[in-house]
N, C-alpha and C. Protein backbone atom coordinates (compact mmCIF):
# COMPACT_ATOMS: atom_id res chain seq x y z
N UNK A 1 -100.61 105.56 -244.16
CA UNK A 1 -100.93 104.37 -243.46
C UNK A 1 -100.50 103.13 -244.23
N UNK A 2 -100.55 103.22 -245.44
CA UNK A 2 -100.12 102.08 -246.22
C UNK A 2 -98.65 101.78 -245.96
N UNK A 3 -97.92 102.82 -245.74
CA UNK A 3 -96.50 102.60 -245.45
C UNK A 3 -96.33 101.95 -244.09
N UNK A 4 -97.17 102.33 -243.15
CA UNK A 4 -97.06 101.72 -241.82
C UNK A 4 -97.43 100.26 -241.87
N UNK A 5 -98.42 99.91 -242.69
CA UNK A 5 -98.81 98.52 -242.82
C UNK A 5 -97.70 97.74 -243.52
N UNK A 6 -97.03 98.36 -244.43
CA UNK A 6 -95.97 97.67 -245.16
C UNK A 6 -94.74 97.49 -244.29
N UNK A 7 -94.48 98.41 -243.42
CA UNK A 7 -93.27 98.32 -242.58
C UNK A 7 -93.33 97.10 -241.66
N UNK A 8 -94.46 96.84 -240.96
CA UNK A 8 -94.45 95.63 -240.14
C UNK A 8 -94.31 94.37 -240.99
N UNK A 9 -94.83 94.37 -242.16
CA UNK A 9 -94.70 93.20 -243.01
C UNK A 9 -93.25 93.03 -243.43
N UNK A 10 -92.55 94.16 -243.71
CA UNK A 10 -91.14 94.09 -244.08
C UNK A 10 -90.29 93.62 -242.89
N UNK A 11 -90.68 94.09 -241.73
CA UNK A 11 -89.93 93.65 -240.53
C UNK A 11 -90.07 92.15 -240.33
N UNK A 12 -91.24 91.62 -240.54
CA UNK A 12 -91.47 90.19 -240.40
C UNK A 12 -90.65 89.44 -241.43
N UNK A 13 -90.57 89.97 -242.62
CA UNK A 13 -89.79 89.33 -243.66
C UNK A 13 -88.30 89.43 -243.36
N UNK A 14 -87.87 90.56 -242.80
CA UNK A 14 -86.47 90.70 -242.44
C UNK A 14 -86.09 89.67 -241.37
N UNK A 15 -86.94 89.45 -240.39
CA UNK A 15 -86.66 88.48 -239.33
C UNK A 15 -86.55 87.07 -239.90
N UNK A 16 -87.43 86.74 -240.80
CA UNK A 16 -87.41 85.42 -241.41
C UNK A 16 -86.16 85.28 -242.27
N UNK A 17 -85.84 86.35 -242.99
CA UNK A 17 -84.66 86.29 -243.85
C UNK A 17 -83.40 86.13 -243.03
N UNK A 18 -83.31 86.76 -241.85
CA UNK A 18 -82.11 86.65 -241.03
C UNK A 18 -81.97 85.25 -240.44
N UNK A 19 -83.08 84.59 -240.15
CA UNK A 19 -83.02 83.21 -239.66
C UNK A 19 -82.49 82.28 -240.74
N UNK A 20 -82.92 82.48 -241.93
CA UNK A 20 -82.50 81.61 -243.02
C UNK A 20 -81.04 81.84 -243.37
N UNK A 21 -80.54 83.04 -243.19
CA UNK A 21 -79.16 83.32 -243.55
C UNK A 21 -78.19 82.94 -242.43
N UNK A 22 -78.65 82.53 -241.21
CA UNK A 22 -77.79 82.17 -240.07
C UNK A 22 -77.20 80.76 -240.23
N UNK A 23 -76.61 80.23 -239.13
CA UNK A 23 -75.95 78.92 -239.11
C UNK A 23 -77.01 77.83 -239.09
N UNK A 24 -76.80 76.81 -239.87
CA UNK A 24 -77.78 75.72 -239.92
C UNK A 24 -77.65 74.85 -238.66
N UNK A 25 -78.67 74.09 -238.40
CA UNK A 25 -78.68 73.20 -237.24
C UNK A 25 -77.58 72.15 -237.34
N UNK A 26 -77.31 71.69 -238.55
CA UNK A 26 -76.26 70.69 -238.77
C UNK A 26 -74.88 71.26 -238.42
N UNK A 27 -74.63 72.50 -238.81
CA UNK A 27 -73.36 73.14 -238.49
C UNK A 27 -73.24 73.37 -236.99
N UNK A 28 -74.32 73.76 -236.33
CA UNK A 28 -74.31 73.95 -234.88
C UNK A 28 -74.02 72.62 -234.18
N UNK A 29 -74.65 71.57 -234.61
CA UNK A 29 -74.40 70.24 -234.05
C UNK A 29 -72.95 69.83 -234.26
N UNK A 30 -72.43 70.08 -235.43
CA UNK A 30 -71.02 69.77 -235.73
C UNK A 30 -70.07 70.53 -234.83
N UNK A 31 -70.37 71.81 -234.59
CA UNK A 31 -69.52 72.60 -233.70
C UNK A 31 -69.58 72.08 -232.27
N UNK A 32 -70.75 71.69 -231.80
CA UNK A 32 -70.88 71.13 -230.45
C UNK A 32 -70.09 69.83 -230.34
N UNK A 33 -70.22 68.99 -231.33
CA UNK A 33 -69.48 67.72 -231.33
C UNK A 33 -67.98 67.99 -231.34
N UNK A 34 -67.53 68.92 -232.18
CA UNK A 34 -66.12 69.28 -232.23
C UNK A 34 -65.64 69.76 -230.87
N UNK A 35 -66.42 70.60 -230.21
CA UNK A 35 -66.06 71.12 -228.88
C UNK A 35 -65.98 69.98 -227.85
N UNK A 36 -66.94 69.06 -227.90
CA UNK A 36 -66.94 67.92 -226.96
C UNK A 36 -65.71 67.06 -227.20
N UNK A 37 -65.39 66.78 -228.47
CA UNK A 37 -64.21 65.97 -228.79
C UNK A 37 -62.95 66.69 -228.33
N UNK A 38 -62.89 67.98 -228.55
CA UNK A 38 -61.74 68.77 -228.12
C UNK A 38 -61.55 68.71 -226.61
N UNK A 39 -62.65 68.81 -225.86
CA UNK A 39 -62.59 68.71 -224.39
C UNK A 39 -62.13 67.31 -223.98
N UNK A 40 -62.65 66.27 -224.64
CA UNK A 40 -62.26 64.90 -224.31
C UNK A 40 -60.78 64.67 -224.58
N UNK A 41 -60.29 65.17 -225.69
CA UNK A 41 -58.86 65.01 -226.01
C UNK A 41 -58.02 65.71 -224.96
N UNK A 42 -58.43 66.91 -224.55
CA UNK A 42 -57.68 67.63 -223.51
C UNK A 42 -57.71 66.86 -222.19
N UNK A 43 -58.87 66.29 -221.84
CA UNK A 43 -58.97 65.51 -220.60
C UNK A 43 -58.10 64.25 -220.67
N UNK A 44 -58.11 63.57 -221.81
CA UNK A 44 -57.31 62.35 -221.96
C UNK A 44 -55.82 62.69 -221.88
N UNK A 45 -55.41 63.78 -222.51
CA UNK A 45 -54.00 64.17 -222.44
C UNK A 45 -53.62 64.53 -221.00
N UNK A 46 -54.50 65.23 -220.30
CA UNK A 46 -54.23 65.58 -218.91
C UNK A 46 -54.17 64.34 -218.03
N UNK A 47 -55.08 63.40 -218.23
CA UNK A 47 -55.08 62.16 -217.47
C UNK A 47 -53.83 61.34 -217.77
N UNK A 48 -53.44 61.30 -219.03
CA UNK A 48 -52.23 60.59 -219.43
C UNK A 48 -51.00 61.19 -218.74
N UNK A 49 -50.91 62.50 -218.74
CA UNK A 49 -49.79 63.18 -218.08
C UNK A 49 -49.80 62.88 -216.58
N UNK A 50 -50.98 62.90 -215.97
CA UNK A 50 -51.11 62.61 -214.54
C UNK A 50 -50.66 61.18 -214.23
N UNK A 51 -51.10 60.21 -215.06
CA UNK A 51 -50.73 58.82 -214.83
C UNK A 51 -49.22 58.62 -215.02
N UNK A 52 -48.63 59.26 -216.02
CA UNK A 52 -47.19 59.15 -216.22
C UNK A 52 -46.42 59.70 -215.03
N UNK A 53 -46.90 60.81 -214.47
CA UNK A 53 -46.21 61.37 -213.31
C UNK A 53 -46.34 60.45 -212.11
N UNK A 54 -47.50 59.80 -211.94
CA UNK A 54 -47.67 58.83 -210.84
C UNK A 54 -46.74 57.64 -211.03
N UNK A 55 -46.65 57.14 -212.27
CA UNK A 55 -45.77 56.00 -212.55
C UNK A 55 -44.33 56.37 -212.26
N UNK A 56 -43.92 57.55 -212.67
CA UNK A 56 -42.55 58.00 -212.39
C UNK A 56 -42.29 58.11 -210.89
N UNK A 57 -43.26 58.61 -210.15
CA UNK A 57 -43.12 58.72 -208.69
C UNK A 57 -42.98 57.35 -208.05
N UNK A 58 -43.84 56.41 -208.46
CA UNK A 58 -43.77 55.06 -207.89
C UNK A 58 -42.49 54.35 -208.31
N UNK A 59 -42.05 54.54 -209.53
CA UNK A 59 -40.81 53.93 -209.99
C UNK A 59 -39.63 54.44 -209.17
N UNK A 60 -39.61 55.73 -208.90
CA UNK A 60 -38.54 56.30 -208.07
C UNK A 60 -38.58 55.72 -206.66
N UNK A 61 -39.78 55.55 -206.09
CA UNK A 61 -39.91 54.96 -204.75
C UNK A 61 -39.42 53.51 -204.75
N UNK A 62 -39.79 52.75 -205.78
CA UNK A 62 -39.37 51.35 -205.87
C UNK A 62 -37.85 51.26 -206.00
N UNK A 63 -37.27 52.11 -206.84
CA UNK A 63 -35.81 52.13 -206.99
C UNK A 63 -35.12 52.47 -205.68
N UNK A 64 -35.68 53.43 -204.96
CA UNK A 64 -35.10 53.83 -203.67
C UNK A 64 -35.18 52.68 -202.66
N UNK A 65 -36.32 52.01 -202.59
CA UNK A 65 -36.48 50.90 -201.64
C UNK A 65 -35.60 49.72 -202.05
N UNK A 66 -35.50 49.44 -203.36
CA UNK A 66 -34.64 48.36 -203.83
C UNK A 66 -33.19 48.63 -203.48
N UNK A 67 -32.76 49.87 -203.66
CA UNK A 67 -31.38 50.22 -203.29
C UNK A 67 -31.16 50.05 -201.79
N UNK A 68 -32.16 50.40 -201.01
CA UNK A 68 -32.04 50.25 -199.55
C UNK A 68 -31.99 48.77 -199.15
N UNK A 69 -32.80 47.94 -199.81
CA UNK A 69 -32.82 46.51 -199.50
C UNK A 69 -31.50 45.85 -199.87
N UNK A 70 -30.87 46.31 -200.92
CA UNK A 70 -29.62 45.70 -201.39
C UNK A 70 -28.38 46.18 -200.65
N UNK A 71 -28.55 46.96 -199.60
CA UNK A 71 -27.40 47.41 -198.82
C UNK A 71 -26.86 46.24 -198.00
N UNK A 72 -25.59 46.30 -197.61
CA UNK A 72 -25.01 45.21 -196.80
C UNK A 72 -25.76 44.97 -195.50
N UNK A 73 -26.38 46.00 -195.01
CA UNK A 73 -27.14 45.88 -193.76
C UNK A 73 -28.27 44.85 -193.88
N UNK A 74 -28.87 44.75 -195.07
CA UNK A 74 -29.98 43.82 -195.28
C UNK A 74 -29.57 42.54 -195.99
N UNK A 75 -28.32 42.38 -196.36
CA UNK A 75 -27.91 41.21 -197.14
C UNK A 75 -28.11 39.91 -196.37
N UNK A 76 -27.85 39.91 -195.07
CA UNK A 76 -28.07 38.70 -194.27
C UNK A 76 -29.54 38.32 -194.25
N UNK A 77 -30.39 39.31 -194.08
CA UNK A 77 -31.83 39.04 -194.07
C UNK A 77 -32.27 38.53 -195.44
N UNK A 78 -31.76 39.13 -196.51
CA UNK A 78 -32.11 38.67 -197.86
C UNK A 78 -31.70 37.22 -198.07
N UNK A 79 -30.52 36.86 -197.61
CA UNK A 79 -30.04 35.49 -197.74
C UNK A 79 -30.94 34.53 -196.95
N UNK A 80 -31.31 34.94 -195.74
CA UNK A 80 -32.17 34.10 -194.92
C UNK A 80 -33.54 33.92 -195.55
N UNK A 81 -34.09 34.99 -196.12
CA UNK A 81 -35.39 34.89 -196.78
C UNK A 81 -35.31 33.95 -197.98
N UNK A 82 -34.24 34.04 -198.76
CA UNK A 82 -34.07 33.15 -199.90
C UNK A 82 -33.96 31.70 -199.45
N UNK A 83 -33.26 31.45 -198.35
CA UNK A 83 -33.12 30.09 -197.82
C UNK A 83 -34.47 29.57 -197.33
N UNK A 84 -35.24 30.42 -196.67
CA UNK A 84 -36.56 30.00 -196.19
C UNK A 84 -37.47 29.66 -197.37
N UNK A 85 -37.44 30.50 -198.40
CA UNK A 85 -38.27 30.23 -199.57
C UNK A 85 -37.86 28.93 -200.26
N UNK A 86 -36.56 28.70 -200.39
CA UNK A 86 -36.07 27.46 -201.00
C UNK A 86 -36.45 26.27 -200.13
N UNK A 87 -36.32 26.41 -198.82
CA UNK A 87 -36.67 25.33 -197.90
C UNK A 87 -38.16 25.04 -197.91
N UNK A 88 -38.98 26.08 -198.00
CA UNK A 88 -40.42 25.85 -198.03
C UNK A 88 -40.83 25.14 -199.31
N UNK A 89 -40.14 25.43 -200.42
CA UNK A 89 -40.43 24.74 -201.67
C UNK A 89 -40.03 23.27 -201.56
N UNK A 90 -38.89 22.99 -200.96
CA UNK A 90 -38.47 21.59 -200.77
C UNK A 90 -39.44 20.86 -199.85
N UNK A 91 -39.90 21.55 -198.81
CA UNK A 91 -40.87 20.94 -197.89
C UNK A 91 -42.17 20.63 -198.62
N UNK A 92 -42.62 21.54 -199.47
CA UNK A 92 -43.85 21.32 -200.22
C UNK A 92 -43.69 20.10 -201.14
N UNK A 93 -42.55 19.99 -201.80
CA UNK A 93 -42.30 18.84 -202.68
C UNK A 93 -42.29 17.54 -201.86
N UNK A 94 -41.65 17.59 -200.69
CA UNK A 94 -41.60 16.38 -199.84
C UNK A 94 -43.00 15.99 -199.36
N UNK A 95 -43.80 16.97 -198.98
CA UNK A 95 -45.15 16.66 -198.52
C UNK A 95 -46.04 16.18 -199.66
N UNK A 96 -45.85 16.72 -200.85
CA UNK A 96 -46.63 16.29 -202.01
C UNK A 96 -46.23 14.92 -202.52
N UNK A 97 -45.06 14.42 -202.14
CA UNK A 97 -44.59 13.14 -202.64
C UNK A 97 -45.34 11.97 -202.02
N UNK A 98 -46.09 12.20 -200.99
CA UNK A 98 -46.90 11.17 -200.31
C UNK A 98 -46.03 10.09 -199.66
N UNK A 99 -44.76 10.36 -199.46
CA UNK A 99 -43.88 9.43 -198.77
C UNK A 99 -44.09 9.63 -197.27
N UNK A 100 -44.20 8.53 -196.55
CA UNK A 100 -44.37 8.60 -195.10
C UNK A 100 -42.98 8.70 -194.46
N UNK A 101 -42.54 9.93 -194.23
CA UNK A 101 -41.18 10.14 -193.73
C UNK A 101 -41.02 9.60 -192.31
N UNK A 102 -42.07 9.55 -191.55
CA UNK A 102 -41.95 8.97 -190.20
C UNK A 102 -41.62 7.48 -190.31
N UNK A 103 -42.17 6.81 -191.32
CA UNK A 103 -41.85 5.40 -191.54
C UNK A 103 -40.39 5.25 -191.95
N UNK A 104 -39.89 6.18 -192.79
CA UNK A 104 -38.49 6.16 -193.19
C UNK A 104 -37.58 6.25 -191.97
N UNK A 105 -37.83 7.22 -191.10
CA UNK A 105 -36.97 7.39 -189.93
C UNK A 105 -37.10 6.23 -188.95
N UNK A 106 -38.27 5.62 -188.87
CA UNK A 106 -38.43 4.42 -188.02
C UNK A 106 -37.60 3.26 -188.57
N UNK A 107 -37.65 3.06 -189.89
CA UNK A 107 -36.86 1.99 -190.51
C UNK A 107 -35.37 2.28 -190.39
N UNK A 108 -34.97 3.54 -190.57
CA UNK A 108 -33.57 3.92 -190.42
C UNK A 108 -33.08 3.59 -189.02
N UNK A 109 -33.87 3.93 -188.02
CA UNK A 109 -33.50 3.64 -186.63
C UNK A 109 -33.43 2.14 -186.38
N UNK A 110 -34.34 1.38 -186.99
CA UNK A 110 -34.40 -0.07 -186.75
C UNK A 110 -33.20 -0.80 -187.37
N UNK A 111 -32.67 -0.34 -188.52
CA UNK A 111 -31.57 -1.05 -189.17
C UNK A 111 -30.21 -0.46 -188.82
N UNK A 112 -30.15 0.61 -188.07
CA UNK A 112 -28.87 1.22 -187.71
C UNK A 112 -28.36 0.59 -186.42
N UNK A 113 -27.13 0.05 -186.43
CA UNK A 113 -26.58 -0.53 -185.19
C UNK A 113 -26.50 0.52 -184.07
N UNK A 114 -26.54 0.04 -182.86
CA UNK A 114 -26.61 0.93 -181.68
C UNK A 114 -25.35 1.76 -181.49
N UNK A 115 -24.20 1.28 -181.96
CA UNK A 115 -22.96 2.04 -181.74
C UNK A 115 -22.67 3.03 -182.87
N UNK A 116 -23.65 3.28 -183.74
CA UNK A 116 -23.51 4.23 -184.85
C UNK A 116 -24.38 5.44 -184.56
N UNK A 117 -23.79 6.61 -184.80
CA UNK A 117 -24.56 7.85 -184.63
C UNK A 117 -24.60 8.56 -185.98
N UNK A 118 -25.81 8.79 -186.49
CA UNK A 118 -26.01 9.52 -187.75
C UNK A 118 -26.07 11.01 -187.40
N UNK A 119 -25.20 11.80 -188.06
CA UNK A 119 -25.15 13.23 -187.75
C UNK A 119 -25.89 14.09 -188.75
N UNK A 120 -26.06 13.61 -189.99
CA UNK A 120 -26.84 14.38 -190.96
C UNK A 120 -27.41 13.47 -192.04
N UNK A 121 -28.58 13.85 -192.51
CA UNK A 121 -29.25 13.13 -193.59
C UNK A 121 -29.65 14.18 -194.63
N UNK A 122 -29.20 13.98 -195.88
CA UNK A 122 -29.57 14.88 -196.98
C UNK A 122 -30.27 14.06 -198.04
N UNK A 123 -31.49 14.48 -198.38
CA UNK A 123 -32.28 13.74 -199.36
C UNK A 123 -32.56 14.66 -200.55
N UNK A 124 -32.22 14.20 -201.75
CA UNK A 124 -32.48 14.96 -202.98
C UNK A 124 -33.87 14.66 -203.49
N UNK A 125 -34.31 15.42 -204.49
CA UNK A 125 -35.66 15.28 -205.03
C UNK A 125 -35.95 13.87 -205.54
N UNK A 126 -35.03 13.24 -206.20
CA UNK A 126 -35.26 11.92 -206.79
C UNK A 126 -35.14 10.77 -205.81
N UNK A 127 -34.86 11.04 -204.54
CA UNK A 127 -34.72 10.00 -203.53
C UNK A 127 -33.27 9.65 -203.24
N UNK A 128 -32.33 10.31 -203.91
CA UNK A 128 -30.91 10.08 -203.59
C UNK A 128 -30.65 10.59 -202.18
N UNK A 129 -29.86 9.85 -201.43
CA UNK A 129 -29.64 10.20 -200.03
C UNK A 129 -28.14 10.18 -199.72
N UNK A 130 -27.74 11.07 -198.83
CA UNK A 130 -26.37 11.11 -198.33
C UNK A 130 -26.48 11.19 -196.81
N UNK A 131 -25.79 10.28 -196.13
CA UNK A 131 -25.81 10.23 -194.67
C UNK A 131 -24.39 10.36 -194.14
N UNK A 132 -24.22 11.18 -193.14
CA UNK A 132 -22.94 11.33 -192.46
C UNK A 132 -23.12 10.86 -191.02
N UNK A 133 -22.04 10.34 -190.47
CA UNK A 133 -22.13 9.89 -189.09
C UNK A 133 -20.78 9.48 -188.54
N UNK A 134 -20.85 8.82 -187.38
CA UNK A 134 -19.63 8.34 -186.74
C UNK A 134 -19.93 7.04 -186.00
N UNK A 135 -18.87 6.27 -185.83
CA UNK A 135 -18.98 4.99 -185.14
C UNK A 135 -17.65 4.70 -184.45
N UNK A 136 -17.61 3.62 -183.66
CA UNK A 136 -16.42 3.33 -182.85
C UNK A 136 -15.31 2.68 -183.66
N UNK A 137 -15.64 1.90 -184.71
CA UNK A 137 -14.59 1.17 -185.43
C UNK A 137 -14.97 0.95 -186.88
N UNK A 138 -13.98 0.53 -187.66
CA UNK A 138 -14.23 0.22 -189.06
C UNK A 138 -15.12 -1.01 -189.22
N UNK A 139 -15.00 -1.96 -188.28
CA UNK A 139 -15.85 -3.15 -188.38
C UNK A 139 -17.32 -2.80 -188.14
N UNK A 140 -17.61 -1.88 -187.23
CA UNK A 140 -19.01 -1.48 -187.04
C UNK A 140 -19.51 -0.66 -188.25
N UNK A 141 -18.60 0.06 -188.92
CA UNK A 141 -18.97 0.76 -190.15
C UNK A 141 -19.33 -0.25 -191.23
N UNK A 142 -18.56 -1.35 -191.34
CA UNK A 142 -18.86 -2.39 -192.32
C UNK A 142 -20.22 -3.04 -192.02
N UNK A 143 -20.49 -3.32 -190.72
CA UNK A 143 -21.79 -3.89 -190.34
C UNK A 143 -22.93 -2.93 -190.70
N UNK A 144 -22.67 -1.64 -190.52
CA UNK A 144 -23.68 -0.64 -190.85
C UNK A 144 -24.03 -0.66 -192.33
N UNK A 145 -23.02 -0.69 -193.19
CA UNK A 145 -23.27 -0.68 -194.64
C UNK A 145 -24.02 -1.94 -195.07
N UNK A 146 -23.67 -3.08 -194.48
CA UNK A 146 -24.39 -4.33 -194.79
C UNK A 146 -25.84 -4.21 -194.33
N UNK A 147 -26.07 -3.70 -193.12
CA UNK A 147 -27.43 -3.58 -192.58
C UNK A 147 -28.26 -2.61 -193.43
N UNK A 148 -27.65 -1.50 -193.86
CA UNK A 148 -28.41 -0.53 -194.67
C UNK A 148 -28.68 -1.06 -196.07
N UNK A 149 -27.86 -1.97 -196.57
CA UNK A 149 -28.10 -2.55 -197.89
C UNK A 149 -29.09 -3.71 -197.84
N UNK A 150 -28.99 -4.57 -196.80
CA UNK A 150 -29.79 -5.80 -196.77
C UNK A 150 -30.88 -5.81 -195.72
N UNK A 151 -30.80 -4.89 -194.76
CA UNK A 151 -31.74 -4.93 -193.65
C UNK A 151 -31.26 -5.88 -192.57
N UNK A 152 -32.10 -6.11 -191.59
CA UNK A 152 -31.79 -7.04 -190.50
C UNK A 152 -32.94 -8.04 -190.40
N UNK A 153 -32.73 -9.11 -189.63
CA UNK A 153 -33.86 -10.05 -189.47
C UNK A 153 -35.09 -9.39 -188.85
N UNK A 154 -34.88 -8.32 -188.07
CA UNK A 154 -36.01 -7.66 -187.41
C UNK A 154 -36.63 -6.53 -188.23
N UNK A 155 -35.88 -5.97 -189.20
CA UNK A 155 -36.40 -4.80 -189.92
C UNK A 155 -35.89 -4.77 -191.36
N UNK A 156 -36.72 -4.20 -192.23
CA UNK A 156 -36.31 -4.02 -193.63
C UNK A 156 -35.62 -2.67 -193.77
N UNK A 157 -34.76 -2.59 -194.75
CA UNK A 157 -34.01 -1.36 -194.96
C UNK A 157 -34.81 -0.40 -195.86
N UNK A 158 -34.72 0.89 -195.61
CA UNK A 158 -35.38 1.86 -196.49
C UNK A 158 -34.50 2.25 -197.69
N UNK A 159 -33.29 1.63 -197.80
CA UNK A 159 -32.32 2.04 -198.81
C UNK A 159 -32.10 0.97 -199.87
N UNK A 160 -31.56 1.44 -200.99
CA UNK A 160 -31.01 0.56 -202.02
C UNK A 160 -29.70 1.16 -202.46
N UNK A 161 -28.73 0.32 -202.78
CA UNK A 161 -27.46 0.78 -203.34
C UNK A 161 -26.65 1.67 -202.44
N UNK A 162 -26.53 1.33 -201.16
CA UNK A 162 -25.73 2.13 -200.23
C UNK A 162 -24.26 1.83 -200.46
N UNK A 163 -23.46 2.90 -200.66
CA UNK A 163 -22.02 2.75 -200.83
C UNK A 163 -21.29 3.75 -199.95
N UNK A 164 -20.09 3.39 -199.55
CA UNK A 164 -19.27 4.27 -198.73
C UNK A 164 -18.67 5.35 -199.63
N UNK A 165 -18.93 6.62 -199.29
CA UNK A 165 -18.39 7.74 -200.07
C UNK A 165 -17.05 8.17 -199.50
N UNK A 166 -16.92 8.20 -198.18
CA UNK A 166 -15.65 8.58 -197.55
C UNK A 166 -15.67 8.14 -196.09
N UNK A 167 -14.45 7.98 -195.55
CA UNK A 167 -14.33 7.69 -194.12
C UNK A 167 -13.00 8.23 -193.63
N UNK A 168 -12.91 8.40 -192.33
CA UNK A 168 -11.69 8.91 -191.73
C UNK A 168 -11.79 8.79 -190.22
N UNK A 169 -10.85 9.44 -189.54
CA UNK A 169 -10.83 9.38 -188.09
C UNK A 169 -10.94 10.78 -187.52
N UNK A 170 -11.53 10.86 -186.34
CA UNK A 170 -11.63 12.14 -185.62
C UNK A 170 -11.36 11.86 -184.15
N UNK A 171 -10.67 12.77 -183.52
CA UNK A 171 -10.40 12.68 -182.08
C UNK A 171 -11.49 13.46 -181.35
N UNK A 172 -12.09 12.81 -180.37
CA UNK A 172 -13.14 13.46 -179.61
C UNK A 172 -12.97 13.10 -178.14
N UNK A 173 -12.62 14.07 -177.32
CA UNK A 173 -12.43 13.89 -175.87
C UNK A 173 -11.51 12.71 -175.57
N UNK A 174 -10.41 12.65 -176.27
CA UNK A 174 -9.42 11.63 -176.01
C UNK A 174 -9.70 10.29 -176.65
N UNK A 175 -10.83 10.13 -177.34
CA UNK A 175 -11.10 8.86 -178.01
C UNK A 175 -11.14 9.08 -179.52
N UNK A 176 -10.75 8.02 -180.19
CA UNK A 176 -10.68 8.08 -181.65
C UNK A 176 -11.96 7.48 -182.21
N UNK A 177 -12.66 8.26 -183.08
CA UNK A 177 -13.92 7.83 -183.68
C UNK A 177 -13.76 7.74 -185.20
N UNK A 178 -14.47 6.81 -185.82
CA UNK A 178 -14.49 6.69 -187.27
C UNK A 178 -15.65 7.56 -187.78
N UNK A 179 -15.32 8.51 -188.64
CA UNK A 179 -16.37 9.32 -189.26
C UNK A 179 -16.56 8.81 -190.69
N UNK A 180 -17.78 8.92 -191.19
CA UNK A 180 -18.07 8.35 -192.51
C UNK A 180 -19.13 9.17 -193.22
N UNK A 181 -19.21 8.92 -194.52
CA UNK A 181 -20.25 9.49 -195.37
C UNK A 181 -20.64 8.41 -196.37
N UNK A 182 -21.92 8.11 -196.45
CA UNK A 182 -22.41 7.10 -197.38
C UNK A 182 -23.47 7.72 -198.29
N UNK A 183 -23.61 7.13 -199.46
CA UNK A 183 -24.65 7.57 -200.39
C UNK A 183 -25.47 6.37 -200.80
N UNK A 184 -26.66 6.64 -201.28
CA UNK A 184 -27.55 5.57 -201.73
C UNK A 184 -28.84 6.15 -202.25
N UNK A 185 -29.82 5.29 -202.31
CA UNK A 185 -31.13 5.67 -202.82
C UNK A 185 -32.18 5.21 -201.81
N UNK A 186 -33.18 6.07 -201.58
CA UNK A 186 -34.27 5.68 -200.70
C UNK A 186 -35.29 4.90 -201.50
N UNK A 187 -35.73 3.79 -200.96
CA UNK A 187 -36.76 2.98 -201.60
C UNK A 187 -38.12 3.61 -201.26
N UNK A 188 -38.51 4.64 -202.00
CA UNK A 188 -39.73 5.39 -201.68
C UNK A 188 -40.98 4.56 -201.91
N UNK A 189 -40.92 3.53 -202.74
CA UNK A 189 -42.08 2.68 -202.96
C UNK A 189 -42.52 1.97 -201.70
N UNK A 190 -41.59 1.61 -200.84
CA UNK A 190 -41.93 0.93 -199.59
C UNK A 190 -42.35 1.89 -198.48
N UNK A 191 -42.34 3.19 -198.77
CA UNK A 191 -42.68 4.18 -197.73
C UNK A 191 -44.01 4.88 -198.00
N UNK A 192 -44.81 4.33 -198.88
CA UNK A 192 -46.11 4.98 -199.20
C UNK A 192 -47.25 4.29 -198.57
């Protein structure tokens, strides 16, 4: 019986001894942390690979669409879009300038002789202006330049420094017309 009593005591000691000889809690925690870090690294690498493949797919789609847009079939549309964008920027600048353009055109009409027809008006950012038109004679062209430089008794001129850039003749329905181009500066201070 003494041996039987000693055997359970030895068994209890063996169990305790095996616990002490096993892996410590610190080592178990370290292994868990290592496993978690290993899983995170694998997930990050997988996510990185997935994102790179998506970027490559989108880059290929963009290149394909860009090549399609640059075909001759779309070149006219591209040119028109660029012109609209440039025109909208010029319009924004003109509207932001606070110049009353309706007043400019009213003054232009008031100082322009009746036998002169203005065919185009080009205004640069700084107020430089180029006007093209036609009239019946060189004397009416001379009167026009004087009126645009000095104004008339009834109206002030919106211009300063108007000079004749070019003139010539054109035949229109059997009549000879004087065509001209003048340059000058818009007096924007008087149009605000």
